[in-house]
Amino acid sequence: MSEELRRAADAAMLPVVASLAPAGVLEAHWLPDPAGDPVVWVRVRTEADRVALQSYSWVLPQVQVIMSRLGLPPQQVLALRLEVTSGEAEDRLFEE
């Protein structure tokens, strides 16, 4: 992934969070997968929020629109994956 595309993906994270905040999204980041396609990770508070967000059919298209408006090429926008995690699940990682 070129530096220009990385900057475009970075710039998209704030609008992604802002547009998905009403659905419980607290933060977002992205990482390229082994093929170089972006994987956007969003974080919600609880596991119930995660399940709800994953059930909304409009979330991935919303993220794709934001990413395309900020300069990601169409082929990468279509290949984009969305992963959802919760603070609740992350806290359990450190429980004994």
C-alpha atoms as a PDB file:
ATOM      1  CA  MET A   1       0.000   0.000   0.000  1.00  0.00           C
ATOM      2  CA  SER A   2       1.460   3.352  -1.010  1.00  0.00           C
ATOM      3  CA  GLU A   3       2.056   6.186   1.407  1.00  0.00           C
ATOM      4  CA  GLU A   4      -0.741   8.182  -0.248  1.00  0.00           C
ATOM      5  CA  LEU A   5      -3.205   5.351   0.333  1.00  0.00           C
ATOM      6  CA  ARG A   6      -2.066   4.972   3.932  1.00  0.00           C
ATOM      7  CA  ARG A   7      -2.699   8.666   4.541  1.00  0.00           C
ATOM      8  CA  ALA A   8      -6.160   8.376   2.969  1.00  0.00           C
ATOM      9  CA  ALA A   9      -7.029   5.409   5.201  1.00  0.00           C
ATOM     10  CA  ASP A  10      -5.680   7.211   8.278  1.00  0.00           C
ATOM     11  CA  ALA A  11      -7.724  10.307   7.432  1.00  0.00           C
ATOM     12  CA  ALA A  12     -10.874   8.203   7.137  1.00  0.00           C
ATOM     13  CA  MET A  13     -10.777   6.881  10.699  1.00  0.00           C
ATOM     14  CA  LEU A  14     -12.119  10.038  12.386  1.00  0.00           C
ATOM     15  CA  PRO A  15     -15.122  10.328  10.031  1.00  0.00           C
ATOM     16  CA  VAL A  16     -15.756   6.586  10.446  1.00  0.00           C
ATOM     17  CA  VAL A  17     -15.969   6.980  14.216  1.00  0.00           C
ATOM     18  CA  ALA A  18     -18.087  10.132  13.939  1.00  0.00           C
ATOM     19  CA  SER A  19     -20.583   8.510  11.570  1.00  0.00           C
ATOM     20  CA  LEU A  20     -20.814   5.265  13.562  1.00  0.00           C
ATOM     21  CA  ALA A  21     -20.827   6.828  17.052  1.00  0.00           C
ATOM     22  CA  PRO A  22     -24.649   6.707  17.271  1.00  0.00           C
ATOM     23  CA  ALA A  23     -24.335   2.932  16.810  1.00  0.00           C
ATOM     24  CA  GLY A  24     -21.881   2.717  19.723  1.00  0.00           C
ATOM     25  CA  VAL A  25     -18.507   2.913  17.979  1.00  0.00           C
ATOM     26  CA  LEU A  26     -15.863   4.420  20.258  1.00  0.00           C
ATOM     27  CA  GLU A  27     -12.764   4.228  18.091  1.00  0.00           C
ATOM     28  CA  ALA A  28     -11.427   2.850  14.827  1.00  0.00           C
ATOM     29  CA  HIS A  29      -8.108   1.968  13.265  1.00  0.00           C
ATOM     30  CA  TRP A  30      -7.054   0.114  10.167  1.00  0.00           C
ATOM     31  CA  LEU A  31      -4.316  -2.304   9.181  1.00  0.00           C
ATOM     32  CA  PRO A  32      -3.527  -3.750   5.758  1.00  0.00           C
ATOM     33  CA  ASP A  33      -4.072  -7.476   5.395  1.00  0.00           C
ATOM     34  CA  PRO A  34      -1.385  -9.660   3.758  1.00  0.00           C
ATOM     35  CA  ALA A  35      -2.745  -8.750   0.306  1.00  0.00           C
ATOM     36  CA  GLY A  36      -2.498  -5.040   1.139  1.00  0.00           C
ATOM     37  CA  ASP A  37      -6.242  -4.486   1.385  1.00  0.00           C
ATOM     38  CA  PRO A  38      -7.448  -2.432   4.342  1.00  0.00           C
ATOM     39  CA  VAL A  39      -9.084  -4.036   7.342  1.00  0.00           C
ATOM     40  CA  VAL A  40     -10.936  -1.502   9.460  1.00  0.00           C
ATOM     41  CA  TRP A  41     -11.258  -2.381  13.142  1.00  0.00           C
ATOM     42  CA  VAL A  42     -13.938  -0.618  15.153  1.00  0.00           C
ATOM     43  CA  ARG A  43     -14.321  -0.823  18.916  1.00  0.00           C
ATOM     44  CA  VAL A  44     -17.567  -0.692  20.887  1.00  0.00           C
ATOM     45  CA  ARG A  45     -18.132  -0.848  24.650  1.00  0.00           C
ATOM     46  CA  THR A  46     -19.894  -4.192  25.211  1.00  0.00           C
ATOM     47  CA  GLU A  47     -20.322  -7.565  23.559  1.00  0.00           C
ATOM     48  CA  ALA A  48     -24.020  -6.770  23.112  1.00  0.00           C
ATOM     49  CA  ASP A  49     -23.020  -3.618  21.217  1.00  0.00           C
ATOM     50  CA  ARG A  50     -20.640  -5.687  19.064  1.00  0.00           C
ATOM     51  CA  VAL A  51     -23.353  -8.191  18.154  1.00  0.00           C
ATOM     52  CA  ALA A  52     -25.785  -5.390  17.363  1.00  0.00           C
ATOM     53  CA  LEU A  53     -23.295  -3.488  15.195  1.00  0.00           C
ATOM     54  CA  GLN A  54     -22.411  -6.625  13.261  1.00  0.00           C
ATOM     55  CA  SER A  55     -26.102  -7.209  12.534  1.00  0.00           C
ATOM     56  CA  TYR A  56     -26.566  -3.798  10.870  1.00  0.00           C
ATOM     57  CA  SER A  57     -26.346  -4.237   7.100  1.00  0.00           C
ATOM     58  CA  TRP A  58     -25.541  -0.552   6.525  1.00  0.00           C
ATOM     59  CA  VAL A  59     -22.286  -0.402   8.523  1.00  0.00           C
ATOM     60  CA  LEU A  60     -19.854  -1.820   5.936  1.00  0.00           C
ATOM     61  CA  PRO A  61     -21.281   0.284   3.074  1.00  0.00           C
ATOM     62  CA  GLN A  62     -21.051   3.372   5.301  1.00  0.00           C
ATOM     63  CA  VAL A  63     -17.359   2.701   5.967  1.00  0.00           C
ATOM     64  CA  GLN A  64     -16.762   2.015   2.275  1.00  0.00           C
ATOM     65  CA  VAL A  65     -18.343   5.341   1.281  1.00  0.00           C
ATOM     66  CA  ILE A  66     -16.164   7.241   3.742  1.00  0.00           C
ATOM     67  CA  MET A  67     -13.025   5.446   2.594  1.00  0.00           C
ATOM     68  CA  SER A  68     -13.798   6.131  -1.065  1.00  0.00           C
ATOM     69  CA  ARG A  69     -14.510   9.819  -0.431  1.00  0.00           C
ATOM     70  CA  LEU A  70     -11.109  10.164   1.185  1.00  0.00           C
ATOM     71  CA  GLY A  71      -9.166   8.690  -1.704  1.00  0.00           C
ATOM     72  CA  LEU A  72      -9.014   4.906  -1.445  1.00  0.00           C
ATOM     73  CA  PRO A  73      -9.260   3.383  -4.937  1.00  0.00           C
ATOM     74  CA  PRO A  74     -12.466   1.487  -5.757  1.00  0.00           C
ATOM     75  CA  GLN A  75     -10.770  -1.931  -5.874  1.00  0.00           C
ATOM     76  CA  GLN A  76      -9.495  -1.499  -2.314  1.00  0.00           C
ATOM     77  CA  VAL A  77     -12.793  -0.080  -1.084  1.00  0.00           C
ATOM     78  CA  LEU A  78     -14.585  -3.161  -2.403  1.00  0.00           C
ATOM     79  CA  ALA A  79     -11.974  -5.469  -0.833  1.00  0.00           C
ATOM     80  CA  LEU A  80     -12.198  -3.706   2.542  1.00  0.00           C
ATOM     81  CA  ARG A  81     -13.086  -5.853   5.527  1.00  0.00           C
ATOM     82  CA  LEU A  82     -14.651  -4.628   8.747  1.00  0.00           C
ATOM     83  CA  GLU A  83     -13.853  -6.223  12.100  1.00  0.00           C
ATOM     84  CA  VAL A  84     -15.642  -5.319  15.330  1.00  0.00           C
ATOM     85  CA  THR A  85     -14.251  -5.749  18.829  1.00  0.00           C
ATOM     86  CA  SER A  86     -15.520  -4.694  22.226  1.00  0.00           C
ATOM     87  CA  GLY A  87     -13.861  -3.242  25.285  1.00  0.00           C
ATOM     88  CA  GLU A  88     -15.613  -5.933  27.292  1.00  0.00           C
ATOM     89  CA  ALA A  89     -13.970  -8.738  25.278  1.00  0.00           C
ATOM     90  CA  GLU A  90     -10.588  -6.991  25.407  1.00  0.00           C
ATOM     91  CA  ASP A  91     -10.818  -6.739  29.207  1.00  0.00           C
ATOM     92  CA  ARG A  92     -11.410 -10.496  29.401  1.00  0.00           C
ATOM     93  CA  LEU A  93      -8.092 -11.123  27.665  1.00  0.00           C
ATOM     94  CA  PHE A  94      -6.298 -10.051  30.814  1.00  0.00           C
ATOM     95  CA  GLU A  95      -8.446 -11.899  33.343  1.00  0.00           C
ATOM     96  CA  GLU A  96      -7.005 -14.949  34.997  1.00  0.00           C
END
